[in-house]
Amino acid sequence: MNILTVNLLFSTFVFWVAARIYVSPKLAGLSPQTLLLPILMLHAFRHLGLMFLTPGATYAGIPPQFAYPAAFGDLLAALLALIAIPALLRNIASARLLVWVFNVEGTLDLFSAITLATIYRAQPYMGPAYWIPAFWVPALLVTHYITFVFLGSTGRNGRIKTTAHRMPMPLAIWRKIAITPTTEEF
């Protein structure tokens, strides 16, 4: 296993734990705007994925089979997030669909980039752009997951349909180490 894979997995786990502590307990009481606008704003910065095409941000020889799809997939995700933001702010009927489209494309783009980086061995050429898959991608993956959970558990009015508002764990092993926050003080 290479170091980038360890960084990606460990960072994803850390972001997941943070989401379980800070987001999951409040999920049922959040409006779509309260939860989704910060997530969409975060993803609007995915234009930074264009770094994979920038000399100096990556080393010479970065596989174009990885760099181009990763860069333009991120750019598309950023544009879709920016399109969904005003619709969500104005509570337009198409807002839910726009968020779904953004979330599906953005998630597929991340999984595609991870796969292509592995297949074409892009890690040694990432240079300063290494922080993207080591830190940025895990945060994006977790926020995509939160968005899927929220969209899947809300009705058309945006409110949680069931009392099962805790984010489910994607892996059974994580159930054994899931953190349940308490209100007790130290």
N, C-alpha and C. Protein backbone atom coordinates (compact mmCIF):
# COMPACT_ATOMS: atom_id res chain seq x y z
N MET A 1 0.86 -1.18 0.00
CA MET A 1 0.00 0.00 0.00
C MET A 1 0.90 1.24 0.00
N ASN A 2 0.56 2.21 -0.83
CA ASN A 2 1.39 3.42 -0.86
C ASN A 2 0.92 4.45 0.16
N ILE A 3 1.77 5.41 0.43
CA ILE A 3 1.50 6.42 1.46
C ILE A 3 0.27 7.25 1.12
N LEU A 4 0.08 7.58 -0.14
CA LEU A 4 -1.09 8.37 -0.52
C LEU A 4 -2.39 7.63 -0.16
N THR A 5 -2.42 6.35 -0.39
CA THR A 5 -3.61 5.56 -0.04
C THR A 5 -3.85 5.62 1.46
N VAL A 6 -2.79 5.49 2.25
CA VAL A 6 -2.92 5.59 3.71
C VAL A 6 -3.44 6.97 4.09
N ASN A 7 -2.86 8.02 3.50
CA ASN A 7 -3.32 9.38 3.79
C ASN A 7 -4.78 9.56 3.44
N LEU A 8 -5.18 9.09 2.26
CA LEU A 8 -6.56 9.24 1.80
C LEU A 8 -7.52 8.51 2.75
N LEU A 9 -7.21 7.27 3.09
CA LEU A 9 -8.10 6.49 3.97
C LEU A 9 -8.15 7.07 5.38
N PHE A 10 -7.00 7.42 5.92
CA PHE A 10 -6.96 7.95 7.28
C PHE A 10 -7.68 9.29 7.36
N SER A 11 -7.43 10.18 6.40
CA SER A 11 -8.10 11.48 6.40
C SER A 11 -9.61 11.33 6.23
N THR A 12 -10.03 10.39 5.39
CA THR A 12 -11.47 10.14 5.23
C THR A 12 -12.07 9.70 6.56
N PHE A 13 -11.38 8.82 7.25
CA PHE A 13 -11.88 8.36 8.56
C PHE A 13 -11.98 9.52 9.54
N VAL A 14 -10.98 10.39 9.59
CA VAL A 14 -11.00 11.52 10.51
C VAL A 14 -12.18 12.46 10.18
N PHE A 15 -12.38 12.76 8.90
CA PHE A 15 -13.52 13.60 8.52
C PHE A 15 -14.84 12.91 8.85
N TRP A 16 -14.88 11.58 8.68
CA TRP A 16 -16.10 10.83 9.01
C TRP A 16 -16.42 10.94 10.50
N VAL A 17 -15.40 10.77 11.34
CA VAL A 17 -15.60 10.87 12.79
C VAL A 17 -16.11 12.28 13.13
N ALA A 18 -15.52 13.30 12.54
CA ALA A 18 -15.98 14.67 12.78
C ALA A 18 -17.44 14.83 12.37
N ALA A 19 -17.82 14.26 11.24
CA ALA A 19 -19.22 14.35 10.79
C ALA A 19 -20.14 13.62 11.75
N ARG A 20 -19.72 12.48 12.26
CA ARG A 20 -20.55 11.74 13.23
C ARG A 20 -20.74 12.53 14.51
N ILE A 21 -19.72 13.25 14.92
CA ILE A 21 -19.80 14.02 16.17
C ILE A 21 -20.60 15.31 15.98
N TYR A 22 -20.34 16.05 14.92
CA TYR A 22 -20.89 17.39 14.78
C TYR A 22 -22.10 17.52 13.87
N VAL A 23 -22.25 16.66 12.87
CA VAL A 23 -23.34 16.79 11.92
C VAL A 23 -24.47 15.81 12.22
N SER A 24 -24.14 14.57 12.39
CA SER A 24 -25.15 13.53 12.55
C SER A 24 -26.19 13.81 13.64
N PRO A 25 -25.78 14.25 14.83
CA PRO A 25 -26.79 14.50 15.87
C PRO A 25 -27.75 15.64 15.54
N LYS A 26 -27.36 16.53 14.66
CA LYS A 26 -28.17 17.70 14.33
C LYS A 26 -28.90 17.55 13.00
N LEU A 27 -28.67 16.46 12.30
CA LEU A 27 -29.17 16.30 10.93
C LEU A 27 -30.68 16.48 10.83
N ALA A 28 -31.43 15.92 11.75
CA ALA A 28 -32.90 15.98 11.67
C ALA A 28 -33.43 17.41 11.79
N GLY A 29 -32.72 18.27 12.48
CA GLY A 29 -33.20 19.63 12.68
C GLY A 29 -32.71 20.64 11.67
N LEU A 30 -31.94 20.19 10.69
CA LEU A 30 -31.36 21.13 9.73
C LEU A 30 -32.23 21.29 8.49
N SER A 31 -32.36 22.51 8.05
CA SER A 31 -33.06 22.77 6.79
C SER A 31 -32.10 22.46 5.64
N PRO A 32 -32.63 22.28 4.44
CA PRO A 32 -31.73 22.04 3.30
C PRO A 32 -30.71 23.17 3.13
N GLN A 33 -31.15 24.40 3.31
CA GLN A 33 -30.23 25.53 3.15
C GLN A 33 -29.13 25.50 4.20
N THR A 34 -29.47 25.20 5.43
CA THR A 34 -28.49 25.19 6.52
C THR A 34 -27.43 24.12 6.31
N LEU A 35 -27.84 22.95 5.86
CA LEU A 35 -26.88 21.87 5.65
C LEU A 35 -26.18 21.95 4.30
N LEU A 36 -26.94 22.14 3.24
CA LEU A 36 -26.40 21.98 1.90
C LEU A 36 -25.64 23.20 1.37
N LEU A 37 -26.00 24.41 1.77
CA LEU A 37 -25.29 25.57 1.26
C LEU A 37 -23.80 25.57 1.62
N PRO A 38 -23.42 25.28 2.87
CA PRO A 38 -21.98 25.22 3.15
C PRO A 38 -21.27 24.10 2.37
N ILE A 39 -21.95 22.98 2.17
CA ILE A 39 -21.37 21.88 1.40
C ILE A 39 -21.18 22.31 -0.05
N LEU A 40 -22.18 22.94 -0.62
CA LEU A 40 -22.07 23.41 -2.01
C LEU A 40 -20.99 24.47 -2.15
N MET A 41 -20.87 25.35 -1.17
CA MET A 41 -19.83 26.38 -1.21
C MET A 41 -18.45 25.72 -1.16
N LEU A 42 -18.28 24.72 -0.32
CA LEU A 42 -17.01 24.00 -0.26
C LEU A 42 -16.67 23.39 -1.62
N HIS A 43 -17.64 22.75 -2.24
CA HIS A 43 -17.41 22.10 -3.53
C HIS A 43 -17.24 23.11 -4.67
N ALA A 44 -17.69 24.32 -4.49
CA ALA A 44 -17.47 25.35 -5.50
C ALA A 44 -15.98 25.64 -5.67
N PHE A 45 -15.16 25.27 -4.69
CA PHE A 45 -13.72 25.44 -4.78
C PHE A 45 -13.03 24.30 -5.53
N ARG A 46 -13.80 23.39 -6.08
CA ARG A 46 -13.19 22.27 -6.79
C ARG A 46 -12.53 22.69 -8.10
N HIS A 47 -12.68 23.93 -8.48
CA HIS A 47 -11.90 24.43 -9.61
C HIS A 47 -10.40 24.26 -9.33
N LEU A 48 -10.04 24.12 -8.05
CA LEU A 48 -8.64 23.91 -7.68
C LEU A 48 -8.08 22.60 -8.24
N GLY A 49 -8.95 21.70 -8.66
CA GLY A 49 -8.50 20.47 -9.30
C GLY A 49 -7.77 20.73 -10.60
N LEU A 50 -7.95 21.93 -11.15
CA LEU A 50 -7.21 22.29 -12.37
C LEU A 50 -5.71 22.32 -12.11
N MET A 51 -5.31 22.30 -10.83
CA MET A 51 -3.88 22.22 -10.49
C MET A 51 -3.21 21.03 -11.14
N PHE A 52 -3.96 19.96 -11.36
CA PHE A 52 -3.37 18.77 -11.96
C PHE A 52 -2.88 19.03 -13.39
N LEU A 53 -3.27 20.14 -13.97
CA LEU A 53 -2.83 20.51 -15.32
C LEU A 53 -1.78 21.62 -15.29
N THR A 54 -1.35 22.02 -14.10
CA THR A 54 -0.48 23.18 -13.95
C THR A 54 0.96 22.77 -13.67
N PRO A 55 1.88 23.10 -14.57
CA PRO A 55 3.29 22.85 -14.28
C PRO A 55 3.69 23.61 -13.02
N GLY A 56 4.43 22.96 -12.16
CA GLY A 56 4.82 23.55 -10.90
C GLY A 56 3.94 23.05 -9.77
N ALA A 57 2.65 22.89 -10.02
CA ALA A 57 1.76 22.31 -9.01
C ALA A 57 1.88 20.79 -9.04
N THR A 58 2.28 20.26 -10.20
CA THR A 58 2.56 18.83 -10.35
C THR A 58 3.91 18.70 -11.03
N TYR A 59 4.47 17.52 -10.92
CA TYR A 59 5.77 17.28 -11.57
C TYR A 59 5.56 16.86 -13.01
N ALA A 60 6.57 17.13 -13.83
CA ALA A 60 6.53 16.71 -15.23
C ALA A 60 6.34 15.20 -15.29
N GLY A 61 5.49 14.78 -16.20
CA GLY A 61 5.25 13.35 -16.37
C GLY A 61 3.98 12.85 -15.73
N ILE A 62 3.21 13.75 -15.10
CA ILE A 62 1.94 13.29 -14.52
C ILE A 62 1.09 12.69 -15.64
N PRO A 63 0.56 11.51 -15.45
CA PRO A 63 -0.18 10.85 -16.53
C PRO A 63 -1.40 11.67 -16.97
N PRO A 64 -1.46 12.03 -18.24
CA PRO A 64 -2.61 12.81 -18.71
C PRO A 64 -3.92 12.01 -18.62
N GLN A 65 -3.82 10.68 -18.62
CA GLN A 65 -5.02 9.84 -18.49
C GLN A 65 -5.67 10.04 -17.12
N PHE A 66 -4.90 10.51 -16.14
CA PHE A 66 -5.43 10.88 -14.83
C PHE A 66 -5.71 12.38 -14.76
N ALA A 67 -4.73 13.19 -15.16
CA ALA A 67 -4.78 14.63 -14.92
C ALA A 67 -5.97 15.32 -15.57
N TYR A 68 -6.23 15.01 -16.83
CA TYR A 68 -7.32 15.70 -17.53
C TYR A 68 -8.70 15.33 -17.00
N PRO A 69 -9.03 14.05 -16.85
CA PRO A 69 -10.35 13.73 -16.28
C PRO A 69 -10.52 14.25 -14.85
N ALA A 70 -9.46 14.18 -14.04
CA ALA A 70 -9.56 14.67 -12.66
C ALA A 70 -9.79 16.18 -12.65
N ALA A 71 -9.02 16.91 -13.44
CA ALA A 71 -9.14 18.38 -13.46
C ALA A 71 -10.50 18.83 -13.97
N PHE A 72 -10.93 18.29 -15.11
CA PHE A 72 -12.19 18.75 -15.68
C PHE A 72 -13.41 18.18 -14.96
N GLY A 73 -13.27 17.01 -14.35
CA GLY A 73 -14.36 16.49 -13.52
C GLY A 73 -14.59 17.37 -12.30
N ASP A 74 -13.48 17.84 -11.70
CA ASP A 74 -13.59 18.76 -10.57
C ASP A 74 -14.20 20.09 -11.00
N LEU A 75 -13.77 20.59 -12.14
CA LEU A 75 -14.32 21.85 -12.64
C LEU A 75 -15.82 21.73 -12.87
N LEU A 76 -16.25 20.62 -13.45
CA LEU A 76 -17.69 20.40 -13.66
C LEU A 76 -18.43 20.34 -12.33
N ALA A 77 -17.86 19.66 -11.34
CA ALA A 77 -18.50 19.60 -10.02
C ALA A 77 -18.63 21.00 -9.41
N ALA A 78 -17.59 21.82 -9.57
CA ALA A 78 -17.64 23.19 -9.06
C ALA A 78 -18.75 23.98 -9.74
N LEU A 79 -18.86 23.85 -11.06
CA LEU A 79 -19.90 24.57 -11.79
C LEU A 79 -21.30 24.10 -11.39
N LEU A 80 -21.47 22.78 -11.22
CA LEU A 80 -22.78 22.26 -10.79
C LEU A 80 -23.13 22.73 -9.39
N ALA A 81 -22.14 22.81 -8.52
CA ALA A 81 -22.40 23.34 -7.17
C ALA A 81 -22.83 24.80 -7.25
N LEU A 82 -22.15 25.58 -8.08
CA LEU A 82 -22.50 27.00 -8.22
C LEU A 82 -23.88 27.19 -8.83
N ILE A 83 -24.29 26.29 -9.70
CA ILE A 83 -25.64 26.36 -10.29
C ILE A 83 -26.70 26.02 -9.24
N ALA A 84 -26.39 25.06 -8.38
CA ALA A 84 -27.37 24.63 -7.36
C ALA A 84 -27.54 25.66 -6.25
N ILE A 85 -26.53 26.44 -5.96
CA ILE A 85 -26.60 27.39 -4.83
C ILE A 85 -27.75 28.39 -4.96
N PRO A 86 -27.88 29.14 -6.06
CA PRO A 86 -29.00 30.10 -6.11
C PRO A 86 -30.36 29.41 -6.11
N ALA A 87 -30.44 28.24 -6.73
CA ALA A 87 -31.73 27.51 -6.73
C ALA A 87 -32.11 27.12 -5.32
N LEU A 88 -31.13 26.67 -4.54
CA LEU A 88 -31.39 26.29 -3.14
C LEU A 88 -31.73 27.52 -2.30
N LEU A 89 -31.01 28.62 -2.52
CA LEU A 89 -31.28 29.85 -1.78
C LEU A 89 -32.70 30.37 -2.02
N ARG A 90 -33.14 30.26 -3.28
CA ARG A 90 -34.47 30.75 -3.63
C ARG A 90 -35.56 29.71 -3.44
N ASN A 91 -35.16 28.52 -3.01
CA ASN A 91 -36.10 27.42 -2.77
C ASN A 91 -36.89 27.08 -4.04
N ILE A 92 -36.20 27.12 -5.18
CA ILE A 92 -36.82 26.81 -6.47
C ILE A 92 -37.09 25.31 -6.53
N ALA A 93 -38.15 24.94 -7.20
CA ALA A 93 -38.55 23.52 -7.27
C ALA A 93 -37.43 22.62 -7.82
N SER A 94 -36.61 23.14 -8.70
CA SER A 94 -35.55 22.32 -9.30
C SER A 94 -34.32 22.19 -8.40
N ALA A 95 -34.30 22.84 -7.27
CA ALA A 95 -33.11 22.83 -6.40
C ALA A 95 -32.71 21.43 -5.99
N ARG A 96 -33.69 20.63 -5.60
CA ARG A 96 -33.40 19.26 -5.15
C ARG A 96 -32.75 18.46 -6.28
N LEU A 97 -33.29 18.56 -7.49
CA LEU A 97 -32.72 17.86 -8.64
C LEU A 97 -31.30 18.35 -8.93
N LEU A 98 -31.08 19.65 -8.86
CA LEU A 98 -29.76 20.21 -9.13
C LEU A 98 -28.73 19.71 -8.10
N VAL A 99 -29.15 19.62 -6.85
CA VAL A 99 -28.24 19.10 -5.82
C VAL A 99 -27.95 17.62 -6.07
N TRP A 100 -28.97 16.85 -6.46
CA TRP A 100 -28.75 15.44 -6.81
C TRP A 100 -27.75 15.31 -7.96
N VAL A 101 -27.94 16.10 -9.01
CA VAL A 101 -27.05 16.03 -10.18
C VAL A 101 -25.62 16.37 -9.76
N PHE A 102 -25.46 17.46 -9.02
CA PHE A 102 -24.14 17.83 -8.52
C PHE A 102 -23.54 16.69 -7.70
N ASN A 103 -24.32 16.12 -6.80
CA ASN A 103 -23.79 15.12 -5.87
C ASN A 103 -23.38 13.83 -6.58
N VAL A 104 -24.17 13.41 -7.54
CA VAL A 104 -23.84 12.19 -8.29
C VAL A 104 -22.58 12.43 -9.13
N GLU A 105 -22.55 13.53 -9.89
CA GLU A 105 -21.37 13.81 -10.73
C GLU A 105 -20.13 13.99 -9.87
N GLY A 106 -20.24 14.74 -8.78
CA GLY A 106 -19.09 15.00 -7.93
C GLY A 106 -18.54 13.73 -7.30
N THR A 107 -19.42 12.85 -6.87
CA THR A 107 -18.98 11.59 -6.27
C THR A 107 -18.32 10.70 -7.32
N LEU A 108 -18.97 10.56 -8.47
CA LEU A 108 -18.38 9.74 -9.54
C LEU A 108 -17.02 10.28 -9.97
N ASP A 109 -16.90 11.59 -10.03
CA ASP A 109 -15.62 12.20 -10.39
C ASP A 109 -14.53 11.82 -9.40
N LEU A 110 -14.83 11.88 -8.10
CA LEU A 110 -13.81 11.54 -7.10
C LEU A 110 -13.41 10.07 -7.19
N PHE A 111 -14.38 9.19 -7.32
CA PHE A 111 -14.05 7.76 -7.45
C PHE A 111 -13.27 7.50 -8.74
N SER A 112 -13.64 8.18 -9.80
CA SER A 112 -12.91 8.04 -11.06
C SER A 112 -11.48 8.53 -10.92
N ALA A 113 -11.28 9.67 -10.29
CA ALA A 113 -9.93 10.22 -10.11
C ALA A 113 -9.07 9.30 -9.25
N ILE A 114 -9.64 8.76 -8.18
CA ILE A 114 -8.90 7.84 -7.32
C ILE A 114 -8.49 6.60 -8.12
N THR A 115 -9.43 6.08 -8.91
CA THR A 115 -9.15 4.89 -9.72
C THR A 115 -8.09 5.17 -10.77
N LEU A 116 -8.24 6.28 -11.49
CA LEU A 116 -7.27 6.62 -12.54
C LEU A 116 -5.88 6.92 -11.96
N ALA A 117 -5.84 7.58 -10.82
CA ALA A 117 -4.54 7.85 -10.18
C ALA A 117 -3.84 6.55 -9.81
N THR A 118 -4.61 5.57 -9.39
CA THR A 118 -4.04 4.27 -9.03
C THR A 118 -3.60 3.51 -10.27
N ILE A 119 -4.46 3.43 -11.27
CA ILE A 119 -4.15 2.68 -12.49
C ILE A 119 -2.92 3.25 -13.20
N TYR A 120 -2.85 4.57 -13.30
CA TYR A 120 -1.76 5.20 -14.05
C TYR A 120 -0.60 5.66 -13.16
N ARG A 121 -0.66 5.27 -11.89
CA ARG A 121 0.44 5.55 -10.94
C ARG A 121 0.82 7.03 -10.94
N ALA A 122 -0.15 7.85 -10.64
CA ALA A 122 0.05 9.31 -10.68
C ALA A 122 0.73 9.86 -9.43
N GLN A 123 0.72 9.12 -8.33
CA GLN A 123 1.22 9.64 -7.06
C GLN A 123 2.60 10.29 -7.12
N PRO A 124 3.61 9.68 -7.73
CA PRO A 124 4.94 10.31 -7.71
C PRO A 124 5.02 11.64 -8.46
N TYR A 125 4.02 11.94 -9.27
CA TYR A 125 4.05 13.16 -10.08
C TYR A 125 3.17 14.27 -9.52
N MET A 126 2.51 14.02 -8.40
CA MET A 126 1.56 15.00 -7.88
C MET A 126 2.23 16.23 -7.30
N GLY A 127 3.45 16.12 -6.82
CA GLY A 127 4.16 17.28 -6.30
C GLY A 127 3.35 18.02 -5.25
N PRO A 128 3.36 19.35 -5.30
CA PRO A 128 2.60 20.14 -4.32
C PRO A 128 1.09 19.86 -4.35
N ALA A 129 0.58 19.34 -5.46
CA ALA A 129 -0.86 19.03 -5.55
C ALA A 129 -1.22 17.77 -4.75
N TYR A 130 -0.24 17.15 -4.10
CA TYR A 130 -0.46 15.95 -3.28
C TYR A 130 -1.53 16.18 -2.22
N TRP A 131 -1.62 17.41 -1.71
CA TRP A 131 -2.60 17.71 -0.65
C TRP A 131 -4.03 17.49 -1.12
N ILE A 132 -4.27 17.55 -2.43
CA ILE A 132 -5.64 17.39 -2.93
C ILE A 132 -6.17 16.00 -2.58
N PRO A 133 -5.50 14.91 -3.00
CA PRO A 133 -6.04 13.59 -2.63
C PRO A 133 -5.79 13.21 -1.18
N ALA A 134 -4.80 13.80 -0.53
CA ALA A 134 -4.50 13.44 0.85
C ALA A 134 -5.42 14.12 1.86
N PHE A 135 -5.92 15.30 1.54
CA PHE A 135 -6.74 16.06 2.49
C PHE A 135 -8.08 16.49 1.89
N TRP A 136 -8.05 17.09 0.73
CA TRP A 136 -9.23 17.68 0.12
C TRP A 136 -10.24 16.62 -0.30
N VAL A 137 -9.79 15.57 -1.01
CA VAL A 137 -10.69 14.52 -1.49
C VAL A 137 -11.43 13.84 -0.33
N PRO A 138 -10.76 13.49 0.78
CA PRO A 138 -11.51 12.89 1.90
C PRO A 138 -12.62 13.79 2.43
N ALA A 139 -12.35 15.09 2.56
CA ALA A 139 -13.39 16.01 3.01
C ALA A 139 -14.56 16.04 2.03
N LEU A 140 -14.24 16.04 0.75
CA LEU A 140 -15.28 16.06 -0.28
C LEU A 140 -16.09 14.77 -0.27
N LEU A 141 -15.42 13.63 -0.11
CA LEU A 141 -16.14 12.35 -0.07
C LEU A 141 -17.14 12.31 1.09
N VAL A 142 -16.70 12.77 2.25
CA VAL A 142 -17.59 12.74 3.42
C VAL A 142 -18.76 13.70 3.22
N THR A 143 -18.52 14.87 2.65
CA THR A 143 -19.64 15.80 2.44
C THR A 143 -20.59 15.29 1.35
N HIS A 144 -20.07 14.58 0.36
CA HIS A 144 -20.97 13.94 -0.61
C HIS A 144 -21.84 12.90 0.09
N TYR A 145 -21.23 12.13 0.97
CA TYR A 145 -21.98 11.10 1.69
C TYR A 145 -23.07 11.74 2.56
N ILE A 146 -22.72 12.79 3.27
CA ILE A 146 -23.71 13.51 4.10
C ILE A 146 -24.86 13.99 3.21
N THR A 147 -24.53 14.52 2.05
CA THR A 147 -25.57 15.01 1.14
C THR A 147 -26.47 13.89 0.68
N PHE A 148 -25.89 12.73 0.31
CA PHE A 148 -26.72 11.58 -0.08
C PHE A 148 -27.64 11.15 1.06
N VAL A 149 -27.12 11.08 2.28
CA VAL A 149 -27.93 10.70 3.44
C VAL A 149 -29.07 11.69 3.62
N PHE A 150 -28.75 12.97 3.54
CA PHE A 150 -29.77 14.01 3.72
C PHE A 150 -30.84 13.95 2.63
N LEU A 151 -30.40 13.88 1.38
CA LEU A 151 -31.36 13.83 0.27
C LEU A 151 -32.21 12.56 0.31
N GLY A 152 -31.61 11.47 0.72
CA GLY A 152 -32.33 10.20 0.78
C GLY A 152 -33.29 10.09 1.95
N SER A 153 -33.12 10.93 2.94
CA SER A 153 -33.98 10.83 4.12
C SER A 153 -34.93 12.02 4.27
N THR A 154 -35.01 12.85 3.24
CA THR A 154 -35.90 14.01 3.33
C THR A 154 -37.02 13.91 2.31
N GLY A 155 -38.13 14.52 2.65
CA GLY A 155 -39.25 14.61 1.72
C GLY A 155 -39.06 15.80 0.80
N ARG A 156 -40.02 16.06 -0.03
CA ARG A 156 -39.92 17.18 -0.97
C ARG A 156 -39.79 18.52 -0.26
N ASN A 157 -40.31 18.60 0.98
CA ASN A 157 -40.22 19.85 1.73
C ASN A 157 -38.84 20.03 2.36
N GLY A 158 -37.97 19.02 2.24
CA GLY A 158 -36.62 19.14 2.75
C GLY A 158 -36.45 18.68 4.18
N ARG A 159 -37.52 18.29 4.84
CA ARG A 159 -37.42 17.85 6.23
C ARG A 159 -37.20 16.34 6.29
N ILE A 160 -36.50 15.91 7.31
CA ILE A 160 -36.23 14.49 7.51
C ILE A 160 -37.56 13.75 7.66
N LYS A 161 -37.73 12.65 6.90
CA LYS A 161 -38.98 11.89 6.91
C LYS A 161 -39.09 10.94 8.09
N THR A 162 -37.96 10.42 8.54
CA THR A 162 -38.01 9.40 9.59
C THR A 162 -37.25 9.88 10.80
N THR A 163 -37.35 9.12 11.86
CA THR A 163 -36.58 9.44 13.06
C THR A 163 -35.17 8.85 12.97
N ALA A 164 -34.92 8.04 11.96
CA ALA A 164 -33.60 7.45 11.77
C ALA A 164 -32.71 8.44 11.05
N HIS A 165 -32.31 9.49 11.77
CA HIS A 165 -31.56 10.56 11.15
C HIS A 165 -30.05 10.45 11.34
N ARG A 166 -29.59 9.44 12.04
CA ARG A 166 -28.15 9.26 12.19
C ARG A 166 -27.57 8.75 10.88
N MET A 167 -26.42 9.27 10.52
CA MET A 167 -25.79 8.83 9.29
C MET A 167 -25.36 7.38 9.44
N PRO A 168 -25.81 6.52 8.54
CA PRO A 168 -25.37 5.13 8.63
C PRO A 168 -23.89 5.01 8.31
N MET A 169 -23.27 4.00 8.91
CA MET A 169 -21.85 3.76 8.68
C MET A 169 -21.69 2.99 7.38
N PRO A 170 -20.77 3.39 6.51
CA PRO A 170 -20.60 2.67 5.25
C PRO A 170 -19.94 1.31 5.40
N LEU A 171 -19.19 1.10 6.45
CA LEU A 171 -18.54 -0.18 6.66
C LEU A 171 -18.92 -0.74 8.03
N ALA A 172 -19.22 -2.03 8.08
CA ALA A 172 -19.65 -2.66 9.33
C ALA A 172 -18.60 -2.51 10.43
N ILE A 173 -17.34 -2.55 10.07
CA ILE A 173 -16.29 -2.45 11.08
C ILE A 173 -16.34 -1.13 11.82
N TRP A 174 -16.74 -0.07 11.11
CA TRP A 174 -16.80 1.23 11.76
C TRP A 174 -17.89 1.30 12.81
N ARG A 175 -18.87 0.42 12.72
CA ARG A 175 -19.94 0.40 13.73
C ARG A 175 -19.37 0.12 15.11
N LYS A 176 -18.32 -0.67 15.17
CA LYS A 176 -17.73 -1.03 16.45
C LYS A 176 -16.96 0.12 17.07
N ILE A 177 -16.54 1.07 16.26
CA ILE A 177 -15.74 2.17 16.80
C ILE A 177 -16.44 3.52 16.64
N ALA A 178 -17.71 3.50 16.27
CA ALA A 178 -18.44 4.76 16.08
C ALA A 178 -18.49 5.53 17.39
N ILE A 179 -18.35 6.81 17.25
CA ILE A 179 -18.36 7.68 18.42
C ILE A 179 -19.75 8.27 18.58
N THR A 180 -20.29 8.14 19.75
CA THR A 180 -21.56 8.75 20.07
C THR A 180 -21.28 9.90 21.02
N PRO A 181 -21.48 11.13 20.57
CA PRO A 181 -21.17 12.28 21.42
C PRO A 181 -22.09 12.35 22.63
N THR A 182 -21.57 12.88 23.70
CA THR A 182 -22.36 13.09 24.90
C THR A 182 -22.39 14.58 25.19
N THR A 183 -23.28 14.96 26.07
CA THR A 183 -23.36 16.36 26.47
C THR A 183 -22.62 16.61 27.77
N GLU A 184 -21.98 15.56 28.28
CA GLU A 184 -21.24 15.71 29.52
C GLU A 184 -20.03 16.61 29.31
N GLU A 185 -19.69 17.35 30.35
CA GLU A 185 -18.51 18.20 30.29
C GLU A 185 -17.34 17.44 30.89
N PHE A 186 -16.14 17.88 30.55
CA PHE A 186 -14.94 17.24 31.10
C PHE A 186 -14.83 17.48 32.58
